[in-house]
Amino acid sequence: MRRVSPPIVFRVAPPPPRRGFYWSTASILISIVGALISIANRGLIVVGVVVFVTGLIVGVVGWRSGIRKNRAAIGIILNAANLILDSGLLISAASR
C-alpha cells in the first residue's frame, strides 16, 4: 500500500500524480533506438543521425515543458554523444 504524505495546507488534498506522455523519457528511448540502428548496420548511419537529431529536439522539448528535467538532461547528453560518434564515423568513412 502506498503511503500518501499529509497535505501541506490544512484540508487541501495534494494534486493527483500526473500520468501521461513524458518527452524526456521519449528522448532516452529515441537515443537507444538510434544507437541500435547505428550499431546494427553501418550503412544506416545517416538514419541514425536523423534519429539522434530528433531525440535531441525531443529532449529539449522535455527540458522546457516537462517536470522530469533530469531525464531530459540524460536524453540530451545521450543523443548528443551518439550524434558526435556518428559524425566522427561519417567523417572517417568519407576520408577513406
C-alpha atoms as a PDB file:
ATOM      1  CA  MET A   1       0.000   0.000   0.000  1.00  0.00           C
ATOM      2  CA  ARG A   2       1.341   3.387  -0.998  1.00  0.00           C
ATOM      3  CA  ARG A   3       1.717   5.991   1.715  1.00  0.00           C
ATOM      4  CA  VAL A   4       0.264   9.365   0.956  1.00  0.00           C
ATOM      5  CA  SER A   5       2.019  12.310   2.524  1.00  0.00           C
ATOM      6  CA  PRO A   6      -0.108  14.624   4.612  1.00  0.00           C
ATOM      7  CA  PRO A   7      -1.280  17.781   2.856  1.00  0.00           C
ATOM      8  CA  ILE A   8       0.834  20.882   3.280  1.00  0.00           C
ATOM      9  CA  VAL A   9      -2.223  23.095   3.611  1.00  0.00           C
ATOM     10  CA  PHE A  10      -4.839  22.000   6.120  1.00  0.00           C
ATOM     11  CA  ARG A  11      -7.843  20.274   4.489  1.00  0.00           C
ATOM     12  CA  VAL A  12      -6.470  20.651   0.958  1.00  0.00           C
ATOM     13  CA  ALA A  13      -5.620  17.489  -0.932  1.00  0.00           C
ATOM     14  CA  PRO A  14      -2.418  17.366  -2.989  1.00  0.00           C
ATOM     15  CA  PRO A  15      -2.836  17.170  -6.753  1.00  0.00           C
ATOM     16  CA  PRO A  16      -3.069  13.661  -8.180  1.00  0.00           C
ATOM     17  CA  PRO A  17       0.097  12.223  -9.742  1.00  0.00           C
ATOM     18  CA  ARG A  18       0.405  13.070 -13.402  1.00  0.00           C
ATOM     19  CA  ARG A  19       0.146  10.199 -15.847  1.00  0.00           C
ATOM     20  CA  GLY A  20       0.835  10.747 -19.475  1.00  0.00           C
ATOM     21  CA  PHE A  21       3.474  11.201 -22.120  1.00  0.00           C
ATOM     22  CA  TYR A  22       6.891  12.338 -20.947  1.00  0.00           C
ATOM     23  CA  TRP A  23       9.060  13.953 -23.600  1.00  0.00           C
ATOM     24  CA  SER A  24      12.182  13.322 -21.528  1.00  0.00           C
ATOM     25  CA  THR A  25      11.624   9.560 -21.392  1.00  0.00           C
ATOM     26  CA  ALA A  26      10.904   9.554 -25.119  1.00  0.00           C
ATOM     27  CA  SER A  27      14.257  11.262 -25.703  1.00  0.00           C
ATOM     28  CA  ILE A  28      16.100   8.464 -23.895  1.00  0.00           C
ATOM     29  CA  LEU A  29      14.189   5.806 -25.822  1.00  0.00           C
ATOM     30  CA  ILE A  30      14.927   7.534 -29.135  1.00  0.00           C
ATOM     31  CA  SER A  31      18.613   7.568 -28.205  1.00  0.00           C
ATOM     32  CA  ILE A  32      18.556   3.815 -27.594  1.00  0.00           C
ATOM     33  CA  VAL A  33      16.742   3.148 -30.879  1.00  0.00           C
ATOM     34  CA  GLY A  34      19.206   5.347 -32.767  1.00  0.00           C
ATOM     35  CA  ALA A  35      22.173   3.564 -31.202  1.00  0.00           C
ATOM     36  CA  LEU A  36      20.733   0.188 -32.177  1.00  0.00           C
ATOM     37  CA  ILE A  37      20.229   1.412 -35.749  1.00  0.00           C
ATOM     38  CA  SER A  38      23.796   2.707 -35.969  1.00  0.00           C
ATOM     39  CA  ILE A  39      25.284  -0.451 -34.470  1.00  0.00           C
ATOM     40  CA  ALA A  40      23.147  -2.876 -36.480  1.00  0.00           C
ATOM     41  CA  ASN A  41      24.145  -1.650 -39.913  1.00  0.00           C
ATOM     42  CA  ARG A  42      26.913   0.792 -40.816  1.00  0.00           C
ATOM     43  CA  GLY A  43      25.014   1.732 -43.972  1.00  0.00           C
ATOM     44  CA  LEU A  44      22.258   3.224 -41.849  1.00  0.00           C
ATOM     45  CA  ILE A  45      24.439   5.807 -40.119  1.00  0.00           C
ATOM     46  CA  VAL A  46      22.597   8.658 -41.820  1.00  0.00           C
ATOM     47  CA  VAL A  47      19.302   7.276 -40.499  1.00  0.00           C
ATOM     48  CA  GLY A  48      20.897   7.083 -37.041  1.00  0.00           C
ATOM     49  CA  VAL A  49      21.967  10.731 -37.287  1.00  0.00           C
ATOM     50  CA  VAL A  50      18.412  11.751 -38.170  1.00  0.00           C
ATOM     51  CA  VAL A  51      17.084   9.749 -35.221  1.00  0.00           C
ATOM     52  CA  PHE A  52      19.614  11.359 -32.865  1.00  0.00           C
ATOM     53  CA  VAL A  53      18.734  14.872 -34.052  1.00  0.00           C
ATOM     54  CA  THR A  54      15.075  14.027 -33.471  1.00  0.00           C
ATOM     55  CA  GLY A  55      15.942  12.723 -29.989  1.00  0.00           C
ATOM     56  CA  LEU A  56      17.876  15.900 -29.265  1.00  0.00           C
ATOM     57  CA  ILE A  57      14.875  18.029 -30.232  1.00  0.00           C
ATOM     58  CA  VAL A  58      12.540  15.852 -28.143  1.00  0.00           C
ATOM     59  CA  GLY A  59      14.952  16.188 -25.195  1.00  0.00           C
ATOM     60  CA  VAL A  60      14.932  19.973 -25.458  1.00  0.00           C
ATOM     61  CA  VAL A  61      11.128  19.950 -25.584  1.00  0.00           C
ATOM     62  CA  GLY A  62      11.155  17.712 -22.493  1.00  0.00           C
ATOM     63  CA  TRP A  63      13.541  20.082 -20.736  1.00  0.00           C
ATOM     64  CA  ARG A  64      11.385  23.122 -21.440  1.00  0.00           C
ATOM     65  CA  SER A  65       7.928  21.671 -20.855  1.00  0.00           C
ATOM     66  CA  GLY A  66       8.382  18.626 -18.659  1.00  0.00           C
ATOM     67  CA  ILE A  67       8.689  18.054 -14.976  1.00  0.00           C
ATOM     68  CA  ARG A  68      11.407  15.410 -15.298  1.00  0.00           C
ATOM     69  CA  LYS A  69      14.356  17.629 -16.147  1.00  0.00           C
ATOM     70  CA  ASN A  70      16.938  15.058 -15.001  1.00  0.00           C
ATOM     71  CA  ARG A  71      15.675  12.543 -17.555  1.00  0.00           C
ATOM     72  CA  ALA A  72      15.587  15.242 -20.207  1.00  0.00           C
ATOM     73  CA  ALA A  73      19.220  16.099 -19.461  1.00  0.00           C
ATOM     74  CA  ILE A  74      20.182  12.418 -19.724  1.00  0.00           C
ATOM     75  CA  GLY A  75      18.380  12.163 -23.065  1.00  0.00           C
ATOM     76  CA  ILE A  76      20.076  15.300 -24.387  1.00  0.00           C
ATOM     77  CA  ILE A  77      23.521  14.047 -23.320  1.00  0.00           C
ATOM     78  CA  LEU A  78      22.967  10.566 -24.807  1.00  0.00           C
ATOM     79  CA  ASN A  79      21.682  11.917 -28.110  1.00  0.00           C
ATOM     80  CA  ALA A  80      24.473  14.488 -28.358  1.00  0.00           C
ATOM     81  CA  ALA A  81      27.140  11.866 -27.618  1.00  0.00           C
ATOM     82  CA  ASN A  82      25.696   9.473 -30.176  1.00  0.00           C
ATOM     83  CA  LEU A  83      25.455  12.288 -32.716  1.00  0.00           C
ATOM     84  CA  ILE A  84      29.129  13.139 -32.190  1.00  0.00           C
ATOM     85  CA  LEU A  85      30.092   9.463 -32.534  1.00  0.00           C
ATOM     86  CA  ASP A  86      28.104   9.056 -35.762  1.00  0.00           C
ATOM     87  CA  SER A  87      29.529  12.303 -37.148  1.00  0.00           C
ATOM     88  CA  GLY A  88      33.020  11.002 -36.464  1.00  0.00           C
ATOM     89  CA  LEU A  89      32.188   7.741 -38.222  1.00  0.00           C
ATOM     90  CA  LEU A  90      30.863   9.652 -41.233  1.00  0.00           C
ATOM     91  CA  ILE A  91      33.973  11.835 -41.389  1.00  0.00           C
ATOM     92  CA  SER A  92      36.305   8.845 -41.105  1.00  0.00           C
ATOM     93  CA  ALA A  93      34.378   6.974 -43.782  1.00  0.00           C
ATOM     94  CA  ALA A  94      34.468   9.983 -46.107  1.00  0.00           C
ATOM     95  CA  SER A  95      38.222  10.440 -45.672  1.00  0.00           C
ATOM     96  CA  ARG A  96      38.991   6.883 -46.838  1.00  0.00           C
END
